[in-house]
Amino acid sequence: MRVLLLGTDTPLGQALTEYLERLGRHDVVAMSRSACRWKSERQAKKAVTRAKCELVVDMRIEAAGDGGDPIQELDIKRCHWVAKACQRSSITYLYISSSRVFSGQLERPYSEDDPPDNDETVGQLLAEAERQVSEGCERHLILRLGPVFSYEGTNLITQMLGPMLEGGSLVLDNNLRGCPVAAADGARVVSAVLDQLGTGVEPWGIFHYGSSDTATYYEFAEALLASASQFSEFSSSVVQLEQEPEGLAPLNRMLECDKIRNTFAIKQVPWRNAMADIVKQYYARQ
């Protein structure tokens, strides 16, 4: 199957490109985020048409949401343009979204049937992008992931480890719980979905994937510090717990993943399994 990847310079995009090229099951056409900054629907349509692909994987906006980069209204329009181009040519559109569409108010893991309810700007824009995809292209899949982390790009690892190595300290909350996803694990999941779509399976709709174990920002940073301490010395106060207001309700962005397991036989794996290798690769690139 010929696959067009949008956002190959994102943490997930880099991991997925390497994963697919290593397996050699699909022909890959790669486009970075800068190459996807189309100014018109015509430009977007031309990019999709020229790729002569059967499937588009769009990772542009998920990376912005996880990395803290601002998501622009034009980014949402581009989702609409890609969706229309896919619809015209009967191309499947696999759009990568984020658990940040949810507010975290539920006490249980969010299912695919739960409506997006995050009233923050980033959550509303992520939800609007999903709507543009689902309304614009019949052959669509929306894959929501927990926060993606890697040794490169802008993500939890680089945002935490950078200040730590510069002698700063992190003051992190222990209130928001989620299910982080290593970029390589996210690539494994997307690749498994592609393989089954290539057999003619048509499971259109929304799917969730997150790691099998959860973490708050503080717990994630503690695990990161434990791995990084093999390569650098840190002060005992480099990771500090933020003092939370009394009576603050805990937030939860855990994702229920039964649907992706039952549909694609994709199993969850712990995020902690990837930490040591990712930290090692981070240091190897310094």
C-alpha atoms as a PDB file:
ATOM      1  CA  MET A   1       0.000   0.000   0.000  1.00  0.00           C
ATOM      2  CA  ARG A   2       1.232   3.492  -0.823  1.00  0.00           C
ATOM      3  CA  VAL A   3       1.041   5.791   2.213  1.00  0.00           C
ATOM      4  CA  LEU A   4       1.420   9.576   2.456  1.00  0.00           C
ATOM      5  CA  LEU A   5       2.790  10.665   5.845  1.00  0.00           C
ATOM      6  CA  LEU A   6       2.135  14.281   6.879  1.00  0.00           C
ATOM      7  CA  GLY A   7       4.360  15.591   9.658  1.00  0.00           C
ATOM      8  CA  THR A   8       7.360  13.272   9.356  1.00  0.00           C
ATOM      9  CA  ASP A   9       9.519  15.695  11.357  1.00  0.00           C
ATOM     10  CA  THR A  10       7.364  15.246  14.484  1.00  0.00           C
ATOM     11  CA  PRO A  11       8.380  12.742  17.195  1.00  0.00           C
ATOM     12  CA  LEU A  12       5.723  10.264  16.048  1.00  0.00           C
ATOM     13  CA  GLY A  13       6.372  11.042  12.382  1.00  0.00           C
ATOM     14  CA  GLN A  14      10.084  10.313  12.680  1.00  0.00           C
ATOM     15  CA  ALA A  15       9.444   7.066  14.536  1.00  0.00           C
ATOM     16  CA  LEU A  16       6.751   5.940  12.093  1.00  0.00           C
ATOM     17  CA  THR A  17       8.848   6.727   9.020  1.00  0.00           C
ATOM     18  CA  GLU A  18      11.747   4.686  10.387  1.00  0.00           C
ATOM     19  CA  TYR A  19       9.432   1.842  11.445  1.00  0.00           C
ATOM     20  CA  LEU A  20       7.677   1.550   8.069  1.00  0.00           C
ATOM     21  CA  GLU A  21      10.903   1.788   6.095  1.00  0.00           C
ATOM     22  CA  ARG A  22      12.455  -0.919   8.247  1.00  0.00           C
ATOM     23  CA  LEU A  23       9.502  -3.274   7.720  1.00  0.00           C
ATOM     24  CA  GLY A  24       9.239  -2.502   4.001  1.00  0.00           C
ATOM     25  CA  ARG A  25       5.551  -3.439   3.739  1.00  0.00           C
ATOM     26  CA  HIS A  26       4.366  -0.083   2.383  1.00  0.00           C
ATOM     27  CA  ASP A  27       5.620   2.543  -0.039  1.00  0.00           C
ATOM     28  CA  VAL A  28       6.096   5.745   1.958  1.00  0.00           C
ATOM     29  CA  VAL A  29       5.793   9.317   0.722  1.00  0.00           C
ATOM     30  CA  ALA A  30       7.065  11.681   3.437  1.00  0.00           C
ATOM     31  CA  MET A  31       6.157  15.339   4.007  1.00  0.00           C
ATOM     32  CA  SER A  32       7.398  17.502   6.883  1.00  0.00           C
ATOM     33  CA  ARG A  33       5.214  20.025   8.666  1.00  0.00           C
ATOM     34  CA  SER A  34       6.792  22.893   6.763  1.00  0.00           C
ATOM     35  CA  ALA A  35       5.993  21.160   3.469  1.00  0.00           C
ATOM     36  CA  CYS A  36       2.350  20.936   4.597  1.00  0.00           C
ATOM     37  CA  ARG A  37       1.858  24.666   5.170  1.00  0.00           C
ATOM     38  CA  TRP A  38      -0.491  25.012   2.252  1.00  0.00           C
ATOM     39  CA  LYS A  39      -2.151  28.381   1.690  1.00  0.00           C
ATOM     40  CA  SER A  40      -5.100  27.048  -0.286  1.00  0.00           C
ATOM     41  CA  GLU A  41      -7.242  23.983  -0.832  1.00  0.00           C
ATOM     42  CA  ARG A  42      -5.768  23.687  -4.310  1.00  0.00           C
ATOM     43  CA  GLN A  43      -2.241  23.278  -2.903  1.00  0.00           C
ATOM     44  CA  ALA A  44      -3.371  20.618  -0.430  1.00  0.00           C
ATOM     45  CA  LYS A  45      -5.258  18.723  -3.129  1.00  0.00           C
ATOM     46  CA  LYS A  46      -2.200  18.815  -5.383  1.00  0.00           C
ATOM     47  CA  ALA A  47       0.021  17.380  -2.631  1.00  0.00           C
ATOM     48  CA  VAL A  48      -2.372  14.487  -1.976  1.00  0.00           C
ATOM     49  CA  THR A  49      -2.890  13.836  -5.707  1.00  0.00           C
ATOM     50  CA  ARG A  50       0.816  13.878  -6.530  1.00  0.00           C
ATOM     51  CA  ALA A  51       1.518  11.305  -3.818  1.00  0.00           C
ATOM     52  CA  LYS A  52      -0.701   8.784  -5.661  1.00  0.00           C
ATOM     53  CA  CYS A  53      -1.439   7.203  -2.300  1.00  0.00           C
ATOM     54  CA  GLU A  54      -4.139   4.939  -0.951  1.00  0.00           C
ATOM     55  CA  LEU A  55      -3.907   6.274   2.590  1.00  0.00           C
ATOM     56  CA  VAL A  56      -2.903   9.494   4.360  1.00  0.00           C
ATOM     57  CA  VAL A  57      -1.535   9.528   7.927  1.00  0.00           C
ATOM     58  CA  ASP A  58      -1.720  13.049   9.385  1.00  0.00           C
ATOM     59  CA  MET A  59       0.432  13.693  12.486  1.00  0.00           C
ATOM     60  CA  ARG A  60       0.841  17.476  12.207  1.00  0.00           C
ATOM     61  CA  ILE A  61      -1.564  18.741  14.841  1.00  0.00           C
ATOM     62  CA  GLU A  62      -1.061  16.031  17.480  1.00  0.00           C
ATOM     63  CA  ALA A  63       2.585  17.048  17.678  1.00  0.00           C
ATOM     64  CA  ALA A  64       1.693  20.708  18.135  1.00  0.00           C
ATOM     65  CA  GLY A  65      -0.733  19.838  20.925  1.00  0.00           C
ATOM     66  CA  ASP A  66       1.782  17.659  22.780  1.00  0.00           C
ATOM     67  CA  GLY A  67       4.726  19.976  22.159  1.00  0.00           C
ATOM     68  CA  GLY A  68       2.977  23.104  23.330  1.00  0.00           C
ATOM     69  CA  ASP A  69       3.198  24.809  19.935  1.00  0.00           C
ATOM     70  CA  PRO A  70       0.180  26.976  19.081  1.00  0.00           C
ATOM     71  CA  ILE A  71      -2.392  25.366  16.789  1.00  0.00           C
ATOM     72  CA  GLN A  72      -3.598  27.867  14.187  1.00  0.00           C
ATOM     73  CA  GLU A  73      -6.997  28.145  12.547  1.00  0.00           C
ATOM     74  CA  LEU A  74      -5.230  27.517   9.252  1.00  0.00           C
ATOM     75  CA  ASP A  75      -4.070  24.142  10.582  1.00  0.00           C
ATOM     76  CA  ILE A  76      -7.730  23.192  11.027  1.00  0.00           C
ATOM     77  CA  LYS A  77      -8.542  24.332   7.488  1.00  0.00           C
ATOM     78  CA  ARG A  78      -5.743  22.137   6.196  1.00  0.00           C
ATOM     79  CA  CYS A  79      -7.405  19.124   7.821  1.00  0.00           C
ATOM     80  CA  HIS A  80     -10.582  20.050   5.962  1.00  0.00           C
ATOM     81  CA  TRP A  81      -8.695  20.370   2.687  1.00  0.00           C
ATOM     82  CA  VAL A  82      -6.959  17.000   3.114  1.00  0.00           C
ATOM     83  CA  ALA A  83     -10.261  15.368   4.052  1.00  0.00           C
ATOM     84  CA  LYS A  84     -11.926  16.705   0.891  1.00  0.00           C
ATOM     85  CA  ALA A  85      -9.017  15.556  -1.271  1.00  0.00           C
ATOM     86  CA  CYS A  86      -9.219  12.084   0.262  1.00  0.00           C
ATOM     87  CA  GLN A  87     -12.995  11.956  -0.191  1.00  0.00           C
ATOM     88  CA  ARG A  88     -12.745  12.829  -3.893  1.00  0.00           C
ATOM     89  CA  SER A  89     -10.240  10.064  -4.586  1.00  0.00           C
ATOM     90  CA  SER A  90     -11.558   7.395  -2.137  1.00  0.00           C
ATOM     91  CA  ILE A  91      -8.376   7.660  -0.065  1.00  0.00           C
ATOM     92  CA  THR A  92      -8.401   6.610   3.588  1.00  0.00           C
ATOM     93  CA  TYR A  93      -7.582   9.433   6.028  1.00  0.00           C
ATOM     94  CA  LEU A  94      -5.942   8.336   9.300  1.00  0.00           C
ATOM     95  CA  TYR A  95      -5.812  11.399  11.514  1.00  0.00           C
ATOM     96  CA  ILE A  96      -3.757  11.308  14.719  1.00  0.00           C
ATOM     97  CA  SER A  97      -5.382  13.220  17.570  1.00  0.00           C
ATOM     98  CA  SER A  98      -4.795  13.522  21.293  1.00  0.00           C
ATOM     99  CA  SER A  99      -6.307  12.769  24.679  1.00  0.00           C
ATOM    100  CA  ARG A 100      -6.224  16.536  25.183  1.00  0.00           C
ATOM    101  CA  VAL A 101      -9.674  16.765  23.574  1.00  0.00           C
ATOM    102  CA  PHE A 102     -10.893  15.750  27.061  1.00  0.00           C
ATOM    103  CA  SER A 103     -11.053  17.921  30.167  1.00  0.00           C
ATOM    104  CA  GLY A 104     -10.073  15.186  32.613  1.00  0.00           C
ATOM    105  CA  GLN A 105     -13.229  15.566  34.685  1.00  0.00           C
ATOM    106  CA  LEU A 106     -14.319  11.925  34.412  1.00  0.00           C
ATOM    107  CA  GLU A 107     -13.224   9.524  37.123  1.00  0.00           C
ATOM    108  CA  ARG A 108     -12.981   6.619  34.661  1.00  0.00           C
ATOM    109  CA  PRO A 109     -10.976   6.233  31.423  1.00  0.00           C
ATOM    110  CA  TYR A 110     -12.495   8.045  28.456  1.00  0.00           C
ATOM    111  CA  SER A 111     -14.090   5.889  25.765  1.00  0.00           C
ATOM    112  CA  GLU A 112     -14.512   6.685  22.085  1.00  0.00           C
ATOM    113  CA  ASP A 113     -18.192   7.444  22.754  1.00  0.00           C
ATOM    114  CA  ASP A 114     -17.403  10.241  25.215  1.00  0.00           C
ATOM    115  CA  PRO A 115     -17.731  13.666  23.569  1.00  0.00           C
ATOM    116  CA  PRO A 116     -14.725  16.027  23.657  1.00  0.00           C
ATOM    117  CA  ASP A 117     -15.240  18.416  26.573  1.00  0.00           C
ATOM    118  CA  ASN A 118     -11.990  20.332  27.024  1.00  0.00           C
ATOM    119  CA  ASP A 119     -12.865  24.034  27.027  1.00  0.00           C
ATOM    120  CA  GLU A 120      -9.208  25.082  26.756  1.00  0.00           C
ATOM    121  CA  THR A 121      -8.264  26.535  23.373  1.00  0.00           C
ATOM    122  CA  VAL A 122      -6.011  23.623  22.417  1.00  0.00           C
ATOM    123  CA  GLY A 123      -8.716  21.094  23.294  1.00  0.00           C
ATOM    124  CA  GLN A 124     -11.340  22.939  21.265  1.00  0.00           C
ATOM    125  CA  LEU A 125      -9.048  23.195  18.240  1.00  0.00           C
ATOM    126  CA  LEU A 126      -8.148  19.505  18.429  1.00  0.00           C
ATOM    127  CA  ALA A 127     -11.848  18.601  18.591  1.00  0.00           C
ATOM    128  CA  GLU A 128     -12.632  20.898  15.658  1.00  0.00           C
ATOM    129  CA  ALA A 129      -9.914  19.237  13.582  1.00  0.00           C
ATOM    130  CA  GLU A 130     -11.485  15.853  14.339  1.00  0.00           C
ATOM    131  CA  ARG A 131     -14.864  17.186  13.219  1.00  0.00           C
ATOM    132  CA  GLN A 132     -13.430  18.444   9.934  1.00  0.00           C
ATOM    133  CA  VAL A 133     -11.910  15.016   9.281  1.00  0.00           C
ATOM    134  CA  SER A 134     -15.026  12.997  10.143  1.00  0.00           C
ATOM    135  CA  GLU A 135     -17.402  15.258   8.198  1.00  0.00           C
ATOM    136  CA  GLY A 136     -15.121  15.715   5.200  1.00  0.00           C
ATOM    137  CA  CYS A 137     -14.033  12.130   4.515  1.00  0.00           C
ATOM    138  CA  GLU A 138     -16.161   9.014   4.837  1.00  0.00           C
ATOM    139  CA  ARG A 139     -13.142   6.686   4.876  1.00  0.00           C
ATOM    140  CA  HIS A 140     -11.595   8.115   8.030  1.00  0.00           C
ATOM    141  CA  LEU A 141     -10.038   6.887  11.248  1.00  0.00           C
ATOM    142  CA  ILE A 142      -9.270   9.169  14.160  1.00  0.00           C
ATOM    143  CA  LEU A 143      -6.652   7.739  16.516  1.00  0.00           C
ATOM    144  CA  ARG A 144      -6.380   9.526  19.855  1.00  0.00           C
ATOM    145  CA  LEU A 145      -3.108   8.957  21.685  1.00  0.00           C
ATOM    146  CA  GLY A 146      -1.846   9.794  25.139  1.00  0.00           C
ATOM    147  CA  PRO A 147       1.077  12.275  25.275  1.00  0.00           C
ATOM    148  CA  VAL A 148       3.776  11.093  22.855  1.00  0.00           C
ATOM    149  CA  PHE A 149       7.381  11.181  24.090  1.00  0.00           C
ATOM    150  CA  SER A 150      10.688  10.643  22.323  1.00  0.00           C
ATOM    151  CA  TYR A 151      14.397  11.482  22.448  1.00  0.00           C
ATOM    152  CA  GLU A 152      14.002  14.187  19.782  1.00  0.00           C
ATOM    153  CA  GLY A 153      11.550  16.908  18.888  1.00  0.00           C
ATOM    154  CA  THR A 154       9.426  18.872  21.354  1.00  0.00           C
ATOM    155  CA  ASN A 155       7.794  16.516  23.858  1.00  0.00           C
ATOM    156  CA  LEU A 156       7.787  15.489  27.527  1.00  0.00           C
ATOM    157  CA  ILE A 157      11.345  14.112  27.487  1.00  0.00           C
ATOM    158  CA  THR A 158      13.056  17.059  25.839  1.00  0.00           C
ATOM    159  CA  GLN A 159      10.961  19.638  27.687  1.00  0.00           C
ATOM    160  CA  MET A 160      11.858  18.103  31.066  1.00  0.00           C
ATOM    161  CA  LEU A 161      15.414  16.888  30.533  1.00  0.00           C
ATOM    162  CA  GLY A 162      16.643  20.085  28.872  1.00  0.00           C
ATOM    163  CA  PRO A 163      16.046  22.320  31.925  1.00  0.00           C
ATOM    164  CA  MET A 164      17.316  19.590  34.258  1.00  0.00           C
ATOM    165  CA  LEU A 165      20.657  19.426  32.427  1.00  0.00           C
ATOM    166  CA  GLU A 166      20.962  23.214  32.520  1.00  0.00           C
ATOM    167  CA  GLY A 167      20.866  23.131  36.308  1.00  0.00           C
ATOM    168  CA  GLY A 168      17.249  24.138  36.715  1.00  0.00           C
ATOM    169  CA  SER A 169      14.539  22.369  38.658  1.00  0.00           C
ATOM    170  CA  LEU A 170      11.097  21.160  37.649  1.00  0.00           C
ATOM    171  CA  VAL A 171       8.062  21.928  39.804  1.00  0.00           C
ATOM    172  CA  LEU A 172       5.359  19.576  38.573  1.00  0.00           C
ATOM    173  CA  ASP A 173       1.825  18.726  39.566  1.00  0.00           C
ATOM    174  CA  ASN A 174       0.692  15.307  40.671  1.00  0.00           C
ATOM    175  CA  ASN A 175      -2.920  16.002  39.789  1.00  0.00           C
ATOM    176  CA  LEU A 176      -3.405  15.221  36.084  1.00  0.00           C
ATOM    177  CA  ARG A 177      -3.134  11.511  35.248  1.00  0.00           C
ATOM    178  CA  GLY A 178      -2.706  10.235  31.707  1.00  0.00           C
ATOM    179  CA  CYS A 179      -1.229   7.380  29.694  1.00  0.00           C
ATOM    180  CA  PRO A 180       2.005   8.472  27.923  1.00  0.00           C
ATOM    181  CA  VAL A 181       2.955   6.782  24.656  1.00  0.00           C
ATOM    182  CA  ALA A 182       6.535   6.259  23.481  1.00  0.00           C
ATOM    183  CA  ALA A 183       6.874   7.412  19.871  1.00  0.00           C
ATOM    184  CA  ALA A 184       8.175   3.985  18.826  1.00  0.00           C
ATOM    185  CA  ASP A 185       5.133   2.341  20.427  1.00  0.00           C
ATOM    186  CA  GLY A 186       2.836   4.791  18.648  1.00  0.00           C
ATOM    187  CA  ALA A 187       4.574   3.846  15.390  1.00  0.00           C
ATOM    188  CA  ARG A 188       3.948   0.166  16.139  1.00  0.00           C
ATOM    189  CA  VAL A 189       0.251   0.870  16.663  1.00  0.00           C
ATOM    190  CA  VAL A 190      -0.163   2.942  13.488  1.00  0.00           C
ATOM    191  CA  SER A 191       1.741   0.353  11.470  1.00  0.00           C
ATOM    192  CA  ALA A 192      -0.537  -2.428  12.737  1.00  0.00           C
ATOM    193  CA  VAL A 193      -3.586  -0.399  11.714  1.00  0.00           C
ATOM    194  CA  LEU A 194      -2.095   0.201   8.249  1.00  0.00           C
ATOM    195  CA  ASP A 195      -1.376  -3.499   7.780  1.00  0.00           C
ATOM    196  CA  GLN A 196      -4.990  -4.426   8.469  1.00  0.00           C
ATOM    197  CA  LEU A 197      -6.403  -1.609   6.357  1.00  0.00           C
ATOM    198  CA  GLY A 198      -4.302  -3.001   3.528  1.00  0.00           C
ATOM    199  CA  THR A 199      -6.282  -6.243   3.732  1.00  0.00           C
ATOM    200  CA  GLY A 200      -9.559  -4.442   3.032  1.00  0.00           C
ATOM    201  CA  VAL A 201     -10.803  -3.957   6.597  1.00  0.00           C
ATOM    202  CA  GLU A 202     -12.994  -0.832   6.874  1.00  0.00           C
ATOM    203  CA  PRO A 203     -13.410   0.048  10.572  1.00  0.00           C
ATOM    204  CA  TRP A 204     -14.094   3.764  10.161  1.00  0.00           C
ATOM    205  CA  GLY A 205     -14.450   5.945  13.242  1.00  0.00           C
ATOM    206  CA  ILE A 206     -12.577   6.852  16.431  1.00  0.00           C
ATOM    207  CA  PHE A 207     -10.050   4.709  18.302  1.00  0.00           C
ATOM    208  CA  HIS A 208      -8.033   5.231  21.473  1.00  0.00           C
ATOM    209  CA  TYR A 209      -4.541   4.073  22.375  1.00  0.00           C
ATOM    210  CA  GLY A 210      -2.517   4.746  25.506  1.00  0.00           C
ATOM    211  CA  SER A 211       0.060   2.872  27.535  1.00  0.00           C
ATOM    212  CA  SER A 212      -1.047   0.158  29.924  1.00  0.00           C
ATOM    213  CA  ASP A 213       0.314   2.069  32.919  1.00  0.00           C
ATOM    214  CA  THR A 214      -0.528   5.654  33.818  1.00  0.00           C
ATOM    215  CA  ALA A 215       1.425   8.597  35.191  1.00  0.00           C
ATOM    216  CA  THR A 216       1.151  12.164  36.380  1.00  0.00           C
ATOM    217  CA  TYR A 217       3.724  14.726  35.217  1.00  0.00           C
ATOM    218  CA  TYR A 218       5.518  14.338  38.538  1.00  0.00           C
ATOM    219  CA  GLU A 219       5.642  10.529  38.333  1.00  0.00           C
ATOM    220  CA  PHE A 220       6.868  10.704  34.731  1.00  0.00           C
ATOM    221  CA  ALA A 221       9.645  13.130  35.695  1.00  0.00           C
ATOM    222  CA  GLU A 222      10.736  10.892  38.573  1.00  0.00           C
ATOM    223  CA  ALA A 223      11.080   7.940  36.188  1.00  0.00           C
ATOM    224  CA  LEU A 224      12.963  10.148  33.728  1.00  0.00           C
ATOM    225  CA  LEU A 225      15.314  11.314  36.484  1.00  0.00           C
ATOM    226  CA  ALA A 226      16.040   7.724  37.515  1.00  0.00           C
ATOM    227  CA  SER A 227      17.113   6.838  33.972  1.00  0.00           C
ATOM    228  CA  ALA A 228      19.011  10.082  33.326  1.00  0.00           C
ATOM    229  CA  SER A 229      20.960   9.736  36.596  1.00  0.00           C
ATOM    230  CA  GLN A 230      23.000   7.002  34.894  1.00  0.00           C
ATOM    231  CA  PHE A 231      24.465   9.668  32.593  1.00  0.00           C
ATOM    232  CA  SER A 232      24.415  12.903  34.656  1.00  0.00           C
ATOM    233  CA  GLU A 233      24.491  14.030  38.249  1.00  0.00           C
ATOM    234  CA  PHE A 234      21.480  15.976  39.498  1.00  0.00           C
ATOM    235  CA  SER A 235      20.686  17.730  42.744  1.00  0.00           C
ATOM    236  CA  SER A 236      18.174  16.130  45.059  1.00  0.00           C
ATOM    237  CA  SER A 237      15.750  18.999  44.382  1.00  0.00           C
ATOM    238  CA  VAL A 238      15.798  18.826  40.579  1.00  0.00           C
ATOM    239  CA  VAL A 239      12.230  17.398  40.537  1.00  0.00           C
ATOM    240  CA  GLN A 240       9.846  18.975  43.020  1.00  0.00           C
ATOM    241  CA  LEU A 241       6.192  18.365  43.741  1.00  0.00           C
ATOM    242  CA  GLU A 242       3.985  21.392  43.224  1.00  0.00           C
ATOM    243  CA  GLN A 243       1.884  22.403  46.206  1.00  0.00           C
ATOM    244  CA  GLU A 244      -1.718  21.996  45.113  1.00  0.00           C
ATOM    245  CA  PRO A 245      -4.646  24.000  46.494  1.00  0.00           C
ATOM    246  CA  GLU A 246      -6.533  22.168  49.197  1.00  0.00           C
ATOM    247  CA  GLY A 247      -9.565  20.315  47.894  1.00  0.00           C
ATOM    248  CA  LEU A 248      -8.368  20.293  44.260  1.00  0.00           C
ATOM    249  CA  ALA A 249     -10.096  17.453  42.406  1.00  0.00           C
ATOM    250  CA  PRO A 250      -7.756  15.076  40.542  1.00  0.00           C
ATOM    251  CA  LEU A 251      -7.925  15.124  36.744  1.00  0.00           C
ATOM    252  CA  ASN A 252      -7.823  12.076  34.525  1.00  0.00           C
ATOM    253  CA  ARG A 253      -7.080  11.779  30.804  1.00  0.00           C
ATOM    254  CA  MET A 254      -6.706   8.013  30.754  1.00  0.00           C
ATOM    255  CA  LEU A 255      -8.035   6.334  27.617  1.00  0.00           C
ATOM    256  CA  GLU A 256     -10.086   3.167  27.378  1.00  0.00           C
ATOM    257  CA  CYS A 257      -8.455   0.994  24.707  1.00  0.00           C
ATOM    258  CA  ASP A 258     -10.800  -1.998  24.389  1.00  0.00           C
ATOM    259  CA  LYS A 259     -12.003  -0.973  20.927  1.00  0.00           C
ATOM    260  CA  ILE A 260      -8.571  -0.888  19.266  1.00  0.00           C
ATOM    261  CA  ARG A 261      -7.673  -4.211  20.909  1.00  0.00           C
ATOM    262  CA  ASN A 262     -10.897  -5.889  19.784  1.00  0.00           C
ATOM    263  CA  THR A 263     -10.788  -4.428  16.249  1.00  0.00           C
ATOM    264  CA  PHE A 264      -7.071  -4.603  15.411  1.00  0.00           C
ATOM    265  CA  ALA A 265      -5.725  -6.999  18.090  1.00  0.00           C
ATOM    266  CA  ILE A 266      -3.391  -4.242  19.318  1.00  0.00           C
ATOM    267  CA  LYS A 267      -2.223  -4.718  22.892  1.00  0.00           C
ATOM    268  CA  GLN A 268      -1.152  -1.945  25.243  1.00  0.00           C
ATOM    269  CA  VAL A 269       2.404  -1.871  26.574  1.00  0.00           C
ATOM    270  CA  PRO A 270       3.851   0.023  29.575  1.00  0.00           C
ATOM    271  CA  TRP A 271       5.489   3.375  28.835  1.00  0.00           C
ATOM    272  CA  ARG A 272       8.171   2.676  31.447  1.00  0.00           C
ATOM    273  CA  ASN A 273       9.600  -0.091  29.235  1.00  0.00           C
ATOM    274  CA  ALA A 274      10.772   2.526  26.739  1.00  0.00           C
ATOM    275  CA  MET A 275      12.221   5.103  29.141  1.00  0.00           C
ATOM    276  CA  ALA A 276      15.782   3.789  29.532  1.00  0.00           C
ATOM    277  CA  ASP A 277      16.355   3.378  25.789  1.00  0.00           C
ATOM    278  CA  ILE A 278      14.889   6.795  24.945  1.00  0.00           C
ATOM    279  CA  VAL A 279      17.081   8.532  27.545  1.00  0.00           C
ATOM    280  CA  LYS A 280      20.130   6.690  26.196  1.00  0.00           C
ATOM    281  CA  GLN A 281      19.340   7.870  22.665  1.00  0.00           C
ATOM    282  CA  TYR A 282      18.792  11.413  23.924  1.00  0.00           C
ATOM    283  CA  TYR A 283      22.271  11.503  25.461  1.00  0.00           C
ATOM    284  CA  ALA A 284      23.822   9.918  22.368  1.00  0.00           C
ATOM    285  CA  ARG A 285      22.647  12.935  20.354  1.00  0.00           C
ATOM    286  CA  GLN A 286      23.998  15.586  22.717  1.00  0.00           C
END
